[in-house]
Amino acid sequence: MVPATNEFEGSNTVRIYNLLVHGAVFESVPVHPHVLPIVEGVLDEGCLVSSLSSISIDPGETAQPIHADDQLIPIPKPHPPTVCNSMWALTDFTDENGATRIVPGSHRLNRKPAAAEATAESVALEAPAGSIVVMESRVWHKTGNNRTRDSRRAGIFAWYTRPIYRQQENWFLSLNPAVRQFASETMLVLLGYRTEGLGLVNGKSPA
């Protein structure tokens, strides 16, 4: 995969989207019993998995602008949490190698950061490899600056949303049919294939 060429995605960052098409091992991430109940506690049961991707921050990468994950959903603020993100550390997340940085308490502001706050003071979410961090959408955050010479910061990111909002990944078009055929009941709900009331096909659940 080739790094992006914009400030937000990074010029020394490798992103792989739609991990569900890259092997059955990734199917266990969105439904993990230590993570999904926490996400449902934020978004309620029936939430959807919006995207599943990996992000690898290579040495020399600069920091992202501060942002909030609910900025893509144009509804008036204040509002309840709309998105929840789980970050799985495949390598150690350290201040030096670009660990995600947050602005503590920013979710209580109920607004997105202004342009002048793109470099607001933040703290690194340092975590050893194997850790999982769950963060709700209103928290201001950014990918940090990888100041190391030879240390890549790699993680998997599962993004969830409430069922009334559009998912970031269009699973109906991007998934291999075999993934849908053999997915668990929980995964089918998270992908939007088993639903009640919204997202129907001729009045019935897509499954």
Protein backbone atom coordinates (compact mmCIF):
# COMPACT_ATOMS: atom_id res chain seq x y z
CA MET A 1 0.00 0.00 0.00
CA VAL A 2 1.19 3.53 -0.82
CA PRO A 3 1.01 6.36 1.75
CA ALA A 4 -1.45 9.18 1.12
CA THR A 5 -0.40 12.65 0.06
CA ASN A 6 -2.57 14.87 2.28
CA GLU A 7 -2.13 16.38 5.73
CA PHE A 8 -4.97 14.46 7.34
CA GLU A 9 -4.10 10.93 6.16
CA GLY A 10 -0.36 11.55 6.26
CA SER A 11 2.49 11.22 3.78
CA ASN A 12 4.36 8.63 5.88
CA THR A 13 1.29 6.68 6.99
CA VAL A 14 0.04 3.46 5.41
CA ARG A 15 -3.72 2.89 5.72
CA ILE A 16 -5.46 -0.33 4.69
CA TYR A 17 -9.23 -0.04 4.52
CA ASN A 18 -11.91 -2.75 4.62
CA LEU A 19 -9.89 -5.33 6.55
CA LEU A 20 -12.81 -7.76 6.36
CA VAL A 21 -11.77 -8.65 2.81
CA HIS A 22 -8.20 -9.44 3.91
CA GLY A 23 -8.81 -12.54 6.00
CA ALA A 24 -11.18 -14.18 8.47
CA VAL A 25 -8.93 -13.24 11.39
CA PHE A 26 -10.24 -9.65 11.19
CA GLU A 27 -13.85 -10.74 11.67
CA SER A 28 -13.19 -11.25 15.39
CA VAL A 29 -12.26 -7.59 15.93
CA PRO A 30 -15.67 -5.81 15.78
CA VAL A 31 -17.45 -8.51 17.83
CA HIS A 32 -14.80 -8.97 20.54
CA PRO A 33 -16.55 -9.69 23.87
CA HIS A 34 -14.27 -7.30 25.76
CA VAL A 35 -14.97 -4.42 23.38
CA LEU A 36 -18.46 -4.62 21.88
CA PRO A 37 -20.30 -4.34 25.25
CA ILE A 38 -18.37 -1.14 26.00
CA VAL A 39 -19.27 0.29 22.59
CA GLU A 40 -22.91 -0.70 23.10
CA GLY A 41 -22.81 1.09 26.44
CA VAL A 42 -21.98 4.28 24.53
CA LEU A 43 -24.12 3.81 21.39
CA ASP A 44 -26.75 1.28 22.58
CA GLU A 45 -27.38 -2.20 21.18
CA GLY A 46 -28.01 -2.38 17.46
CA CYS A 47 -25.06 -0.12 16.61
CA LEU A 48 -23.25 -0.68 13.31
CA VAL A 49 -19.59 -1.17 12.50
CA SER A 50 -18.81 1.80 10.28
CA SER A 51 -15.30 0.88 9.16
CA LEU A 52 -12.44 -1.49 9.97
CA SER A 53 -8.95 -0.42 8.94
CA SER A 54 -5.30 -0.51 9.89
CA ILE A 55 -3.08 2.53 10.29
CA SER A 56 0.71 2.33 10.36
CA ILE A 57 2.60 5.51 11.27
CA ASP A 58 6.14 5.43 9.91
CA PRO A 59 9.13 7.41 11.21
CA GLY A 60 9.06 11.06 10.23
CA GLU A 61 5.28 11.35 10.06
CA THR A 62 3.92 14.68 11.27
CA ALA A 63 0.94 15.07 13.58
CA GLN A 64 -2.62 15.34 12.27
CA PRO A 65 -4.75 18.41 12.92
CA ILE A 66 -6.95 18.04 16.00
CA HIS A 67 -10.40 16.72 15.07
CA ALA A 68 -13.43 14.83 16.42
CA ASP A 69 -14.83 11.71 14.76
CA ASP A 70 -18.41 13.03 14.76
CA GLN A 71 -17.52 15.94 12.46
CA LEU A 72 -18.75 13.95 9.44
CA ILE A 73 -22.29 13.82 10.86
CA PRO A 74 -23.86 17.29 10.37
CA ILE A 75 -26.32 17.48 13.24
CA PRO A 76 -26.71 20.30 15.79
CA LYS A 77 -24.69 20.16 18.98
CA PRO A 78 -24.96 19.30 21.78
CA HIS A 79 -25.99 15.75 20.92
CA PRO A 80 -25.48 12.27 22.36
CA PRO A 81 -22.48 10.24 21.16
CA THR A 82 -22.90 9.25 17.51
CA VAL A 83 -19.66 7.36 16.91
CA CYS A 84 -17.35 5.18 19.00
CA ASN A 85 -13.85 4.09 18.01
CA SER A 86 -11.78 1.15 19.26
CA MET A 87 -8.02 1.27 18.74
CA TRP A 88 -6.05 -2.00 18.88
CA ALA A 89 -2.32 -1.53 19.48
CA LEU A 90 -0.34 -3.98 17.31
CA THR A 91 2.89 -2.30 18.41
CA ASP A 92 3.60 -0.20 21.47
CA PHE A 93 1.89 3.19 21.25
CA THR A 94 4.36 5.73 22.66
CA ASP A 95 4.68 9.48 22.70
CA GLU A 96 7.76 9.16 20.49
CA ASN A 97 6.30 6.91 17.77
CA GLY A 98 3.06 8.79 17.17
CA ALA A 99 0.54 7.48 19.70
CA THR A 100 -2.95 8.94 19.31
CA ARG A 101 -3.17 12.17 21.27
CA ILE A 102 -6.35 13.45 22.95
CA VAL A 103 -7.57 16.68 24.51
CA PRO A 104 -8.94 15.49 27.89
CA GLY A 105 -12.47 16.66 28.64
CA SER A 106 -13.04 17.98 25.11
CA HIS A 107 -16.16 15.82 24.67
CA ARG A 108 -17.90 18.06 27.20
CA LEU A 109 -17.45 21.09 24.93
CA ASN A 110 -19.97 19.62 22.47
CA ARG A 111 -18.39 21.30 19.45
CA LYS A 112 -15.72 20.57 16.90
CA PRO A 113 -12.33 22.25 17.26
CA ALA A 114 -11.94 25.64 15.61
CA ALA A 115 -9.20 26.18 13.02
CA ALA A 116 -7.12 28.01 15.63
CA GLU A 117 -7.32 24.92 17.88
CA ALA A 118 -5.78 22.53 15.32
CA THR A 119 -2.65 22.36 17.48
CA ALA A 120 -4.37 22.46 20.88
CA GLU A 121 -2.47 21.00 23.83
CA SER A 122 -2.96 17.24 23.98
CA VAL A 123 -1.69 14.14 25.79
CA ALA A 124 -0.49 10.88 24.26
CA LEU A 125 -2.53 7.71 24.78
CA GLU A 126 0.49 5.51 25.47
CA ALA A 127 -0.31 1.78 25.50
CA PRO A 128 1.71 -1.43 25.15
CA ALA A 129 1.15 -3.76 22.22
CA GLY A 130 -1.99 -5.84 22.78
CA SER A 131 -3.91 -3.01 24.45
CA ILE A 132 -7.31 -1.77 23.28
CA VAL A 133 -8.52 1.80 23.76
CA VAL A 134 -12.20 2.74 23.29
CA MET A 135 -13.01 6.39 22.64
CA GLU A 136 -16.30 8.12 21.89
CA SER A 137 -16.75 10.45 18.96
CA ARG A 138 -16.76 13.84 20.65
CA VAL A 139 -13.23 13.56 22.08
CA TRP A 140 -10.81 15.81 20.20
CA HIS A 141 -7.78 13.81 19.07
CA LYS A 142 -5.10 13.37 16.44
CA THR A 143 -2.40 10.97 15.34
CA GLY A 144 0.89 12.05 16.90
CA ASN A 145 4.22 12.89 15.32
CA ASN A 146 6.49 9.83 14.91
CA ARG A 147 9.82 11.24 16.05
CA THR A 148 11.68 7.90 16.01
CA ARG A 149 14.19 6.77 13.39
CA ASP A 150 13.07 3.16 13.01
CA SER A 151 9.88 2.52 15.02
CA ARG A 152 6.56 2.05 13.22
CA ARG A 153 3.34 2.58 15.20
CA ALA A 154 0.75 0.12 13.92
CA GLY A 155 -2.84 -0.43 14.99
CA ILE A 156 -6.27 -1.64 13.93
CA PHE A 157 -9.21 0.74 14.20
CA ALA A 158 -12.85 -0.37 14.39
CA TRP A 159 -15.26 2.54 14.08
CA TYR A 160 -18.89 2.07 15.15
CA THR A 161 -21.92 4.30 14.63
CA ARG A 162 -25.56 4.50 15.66
CA PRO A 163 -27.85 2.70 13.17
CA ILE A 164 -29.55 5.90 11.99
CA TYR A 165 -26.30 7.17 10.43
CA ARG A 166 -24.56 6.05 7.25
CA GLN A 167 -21.55 3.77 7.69
CA GLN A 168 -18.18 4.99 6.45
CA GLU A 169 -17.57 1.74 4.52
CA ASN A 170 -20.30 0.62 2.11
CA TRP A 171 -20.32 -3.03 3.18
CA PHE A 172 -23.08 -3.92 0.74
CA LEU A 173 -20.71 -3.22 -2.16
CA SER A 174 -17.26 -3.91 -0.71
CA LEU A 175 -17.63 -7.26 1.08
CA ASN A 176 -16.84 -10.59 -0.49
CA PRO A 177 -20.12 -12.59 -0.55
CA ALA A 178 -18.38 -15.38 1.37
CA VAL A 179 -17.86 -13.05 4.32
CA ARG A 180 -21.58 -12.31 4.43
CA GLN A 181 -22.50 -15.97 3.99
CA PHE A 182 -20.46 -17.22 6.93
CA ALA A 183 -20.63 -14.22 9.25
CA SER A 184 -22.00 -14.68 12.76
CA GLU A 185 -25.42 -13.31 13.70
CA THR A 186 -23.72 -10.56 15.71
CA MET A 187 -21.54 -9.58 12.76
CA LEU A 188 -24.53 -9.49 10.39
CA VAL A 189 -26.26 -7.04 12.75
CA LEU A 190 -23.12 -4.88 12.96
CA LEU A 191 -22.78 -4.80 9.17
CA GLY A 192 -26.44 -3.85 8.70
CA TYR A 193 -27.56 -7.12 7.10
CA ARG A 194 -29.92 -7.99 9.94
CA THR A 195 -32.02 -4.99 10.83
CA GLU A 196 -35.49 -3.94 11.88
CA GLY A 197 -37.22 -0.77 10.69
CA LEU A 198 -34.33 0.86 8.80
CA GLY A 199 -32.27 -0.38 5.85
CA LEU A 200 -34.90 -2.85 4.68
CA VAL A 201 -35.17 -4.49 1.24
CA ASN A 202 -38.79 -4.79 0.08
CA GLY A 203 -39.87 -4.52 3.70
CA LYS A 204 -37.55 -7.26 4.95
CA SER A 205 -34.13 -7.51 6.58
CA PRO A 206 -31.39 -7.58 3.88
CA ALA A 207 -30.18 -10.99 5.09
